[in-house]
Amino acid sequence: MFEGTYLATRLGEECDYINLYHMGSFFAELYYDAEMNLVHSCHTFRSSSQLEAYAELI
């Protein structure tokens, strides 16, 4: 099991919570549906340009 550092949460287009983690050499976004109580998707990336969606949360 990988362990990462939680960084932020933002609200997605379909009311999902998107949790951002730093995994050391990359970032991971976990898409969480609170109504269903499940993580239904994961998106990983290395480019810091994809962090712009979180800029307003800092």
N, C-alpha and C. Protein backbone atom coordinates (compact mmCIF):
# COMPACT_ATOMS: atom_id res chain seq x y z
N MET A 1 0.84 -1.17 0.00
CA MET A 1 0.00 0.00 0.00
C MET A 1 0.89 1.24 0.00
N PHE A 2 0.59 2.17 -0.88
CA PHE A 2 1.33 3.41 -0.94
C PHE A 2 0.81 4.39 0.09
N GLU A 3 1.70 5.20 0.62
CA GLU A 3 1.30 6.25 1.54
C GLU A 3 1.73 7.58 0.97
N GLY A 4 0.83 8.54 1.01
CA GLY A 4 1.13 9.87 0.50
C GLY A 4 0.80 10.91 1.54
N THR A 5 1.13 12.14 1.21
CA THR A 5 0.84 13.27 2.07
C THR A 5 -0.37 14.00 1.53
N TYR A 6 -1.41 14.08 2.35
CA TYR A 6 -2.62 14.80 1.95
C TYR A 6 -2.29 16.28 1.79
N LEU A 7 -2.76 16.90 0.69
CA LEU A 7 -2.49 18.31 0.44
C LEU A 7 -3.75 19.17 0.44
N ALA A 8 -4.81 18.72 -0.22
CA ALA A 8 -6.00 19.59 -0.36
C ALA A 8 -7.19 18.78 -0.87
N THR A 9 -8.37 19.38 -0.74
CA THR A 9 -9.59 18.82 -1.30
C THR A 9 -10.30 19.92 -2.06
N ARG A 10 -10.81 19.57 -3.24
CA ARG A 10 -11.63 20.51 -4.01
C ARG A 10 -12.88 19.77 -4.46
N LEU A 11 -13.89 20.54 -4.82
CA LEU A 11 -15.15 19.96 -5.27
C LEU A 11 -15.10 19.78 -6.78
N GLY A 12 -15.43 18.59 -7.26
CA GLY A 12 -15.42 18.29 -8.68
C GLY A 12 -16.70 18.72 -9.36
N GLU A 13 -16.76 18.53 -10.66
CA GLU A 13 -17.90 18.95 -11.47
C GLU A 13 -19.18 18.20 -11.11
N GLU A 14 -19.08 16.97 -10.70
CA GLU A 14 -20.26 16.17 -10.38
C GLU A 14 -20.43 16.03 -8.88
N CYS A 15 -20.03 17.06 -8.13
CA CYS A 15 -20.15 17.11 -6.67
C CYS A 15 -19.31 16.04 -5.97
N ASP A 16 -18.30 15.52 -6.66
CA ASP A 16 -17.35 14.61 -6.02
C ASP A 16 -16.32 15.44 -5.28
N TYR A 17 -15.80 14.88 -4.21
CA TYR A 17 -14.67 15.49 -3.53
C TYR A 17 -13.41 14.92 -4.16
N ILE A 18 -12.51 15.80 -4.58
CA ILE A 18 -11.25 15.37 -5.19
C ILE A 18 -10.14 15.66 -4.20
N ASN A 19 -9.57 14.60 -3.66
CA ASN A 19 -8.52 14.72 -2.65
C ASN A 19 -7.15 14.60 -3.32
N LEU A 20 -6.30 15.57 -3.05
CA LEU A 20 -4.97 15.61 -3.66
C LEU A 20 -3.93 15.12 -2.66
N TYR A 21 -3.07 14.21 -3.14
CA TYR A 21 -1.98 13.67 -2.32
C TYR A 21 -0.67 13.81 -3.08
N HIS A 22 0.40 14.06 -2.33
CA HIS A 22 1.75 14.04 -2.91
C HIS A 22 2.34 12.69 -2.55
N MET A 23 2.75 11.95 -3.57
CA MET A 23 3.23 10.59 -3.38
C MET A 23 4.75 10.48 -3.47
N GLY A 24 5.44 11.58 -3.35
CA GLY A 24 6.90 11.58 -3.43
C GLY A 24 7.36 12.06 -4.79
N SER A 25 7.21 11.23 -5.82
CA SER A 25 7.65 11.61 -7.15
C SER A 25 6.49 11.97 -8.08
N PHE A 26 5.27 11.92 -7.57
CA PHE A 26 4.10 12.29 -8.38
C PHE A 26 2.95 12.70 -7.46
N PHE A 27 1.89 13.21 -8.06
CA PHE A 27 0.68 13.59 -7.33
C PHE A 27 -0.43 12.63 -7.69
N ALA A 28 -1.37 12.43 -6.77
CA ALA A 28 -2.53 11.58 -7.03
C ALA A 28 -3.79 12.30 -6.59
N GLU A 29 -4.81 12.25 -7.44
CA GLU A 29 -6.12 12.77 -7.11
C GLU A 29 -7.06 11.57 -6.95
N LEU A 30 -7.70 11.49 -5.80
CA LEU A 30 -8.68 10.44 -5.55
C LEU A 30 -10.06 11.07 -5.59
N TYR A 31 -10.92 10.55 -6.43
CA TYR A 31 -12.27 11.07 -6.61
C TYR A 31 -13.21 10.29 -5.70
N TYR A 32 -13.79 11.01 -4.72
CA TYR A 32 -14.61 10.39 -3.69
C TYR A 32 -16.06 10.84 -3.82
N ASP A 33 -16.98 9.90 -3.87
CA ASP A 33 -18.41 10.16 -3.90
C ASP A 33 -18.93 9.97 -2.48
N ALA A 34 -19.24 11.09 -1.80
CA ALA A 34 -19.67 11.03 -0.41
C ALA A 34 -21.03 10.34 -0.26
N GLU A 35 -21.90 10.53 -1.23
CA GLU A 35 -23.22 9.92 -1.15
C GLU A 35 -23.13 8.39 -1.19
N MET A 36 -22.25 7.88 -2.04
CA MET A 36 -22.07 6.43 -2.16
C MET A 36 -20.98 5.90 -1.21
N ASN A 37 -20.22 6.82 -0.59
CA ASN A 37 -19.14 6.49 0.32
C ASN A 37 -18.10 5.58 -0.35
N LEU A 38 -17.61 6.03 -1.53
CA LEU A 38 -16.59 5.25 -2.22
C LEU A 38 -15.69 6.14 -3.08
N VAL A 39 -14.46 5.67 -3.21
CA VAL A 39 -13.51 6.29 -4.13
C VAL A 39 -13.73 5.59 -5.47
N HIS A 40 -14.09 6.36 -6.50
CA HIS A 40 -14.43 5.72 -7.77
C HIS A 40 -13.42 5.97 -8.87
N SER A 41 -12.42 6.81 -8.61
CA SER A 41 -11.45 7.09 -9.67
C SER A 41 -10.17 7.63 -9.06
N CYS A 42 -9.09 7.43 -9.78
CA CYS A 42 -7.79 7.96 -9.37
C CYS A 42 -7.08 8.52 -10.61
N HIS A 43 -6.50 9.68 -10.46
CA HIS A 43 -5.76 10.32 -11.55
C HIS A 43 -4.39 10.69 -11.00
N THR A 44 -3.33 10.28 -11.69
CA THR A 44 -1.97 10.62 -11.26
C THR A 44 -1.31 11.52 -12.30
N PHE A 45 -0.40 12.35 -11.80
CA PHE A 45 0.33 13.25 -12.69
C PHE A 45 1.61 13.71 -12.03
N ARG A 46 2.54 14.20 -12.84
CA ARG A 46 3.82 14.73 -12.36
C ARG A 46 3.95 16.24 -12.59
N SER A 47 3.20 16.77 -13.53
CA SER A 47 3.32 18.17 -13.90
C SER A 47 2.69 19.10 -12.86
N SER A 48 3.46 20.07 -12.42
CA SER A 48 2.94 21.02 -11.44
C SER A 48 1.88 21.94 -12.05
N SER A 49 1.80 22.02 -13.36
CA SER A 49 0.77 22.86 -13.99
C SER A 49 -0.64 22.34 -13.66
N GLN A 50 -0.77 21.07 -13.37
CA GLN A 50 -2.08 20.51 -13.03
C GLN A 50 -2.50 20.83 -11.60
N LEU A 51 -1.64 21.50 -10.86
CA LEU A 51 -1.97 21.92 -9.50
C LEU A 51 -2.75 23.24 -9.49
N GLU A 52 -2.88 23.89 -10.65
CA GLU A 52 -3.56 25.17 -10.72
C GLU A 52 -4.98 25.12 -10.17
N ALA A 53 -5.65 23.99 -10.31
CA ALA A 53 -7.02 23.85 -9.81
C ALA A 53 -7.08 24.00 -8.28
N TYR A 54 -5.95 23.86 -7.62
CA TYR A 54 -5.89 23.96 -6.16
C TYR A 54 -5.36 25.29 -5.67
N ALA A 55 -4.93 26.16 -6.57
CA ALA A 55 -4.29 27.42 -6.20
C ALA A 55 -5.20 28.30 -5.33
N GLU A 56 -6.48 28.34 -5.63
CA GLU A 56 -7.39 29.18 -4.85
C GLU A 56 -7.63 28.63 -3.44
N LEU A 57 -7.23 27.40 -3.18
CA LEU A 57 -7.43 26.79 -1.88
C LEU A 57 -6.28 27.04 -0.92
N ILE A 58 -5.20 27.60 -1.44
CA ILE A 58 -4.00 27.82 -0.61
C ILE A 58 -4.06 29.19 0.03
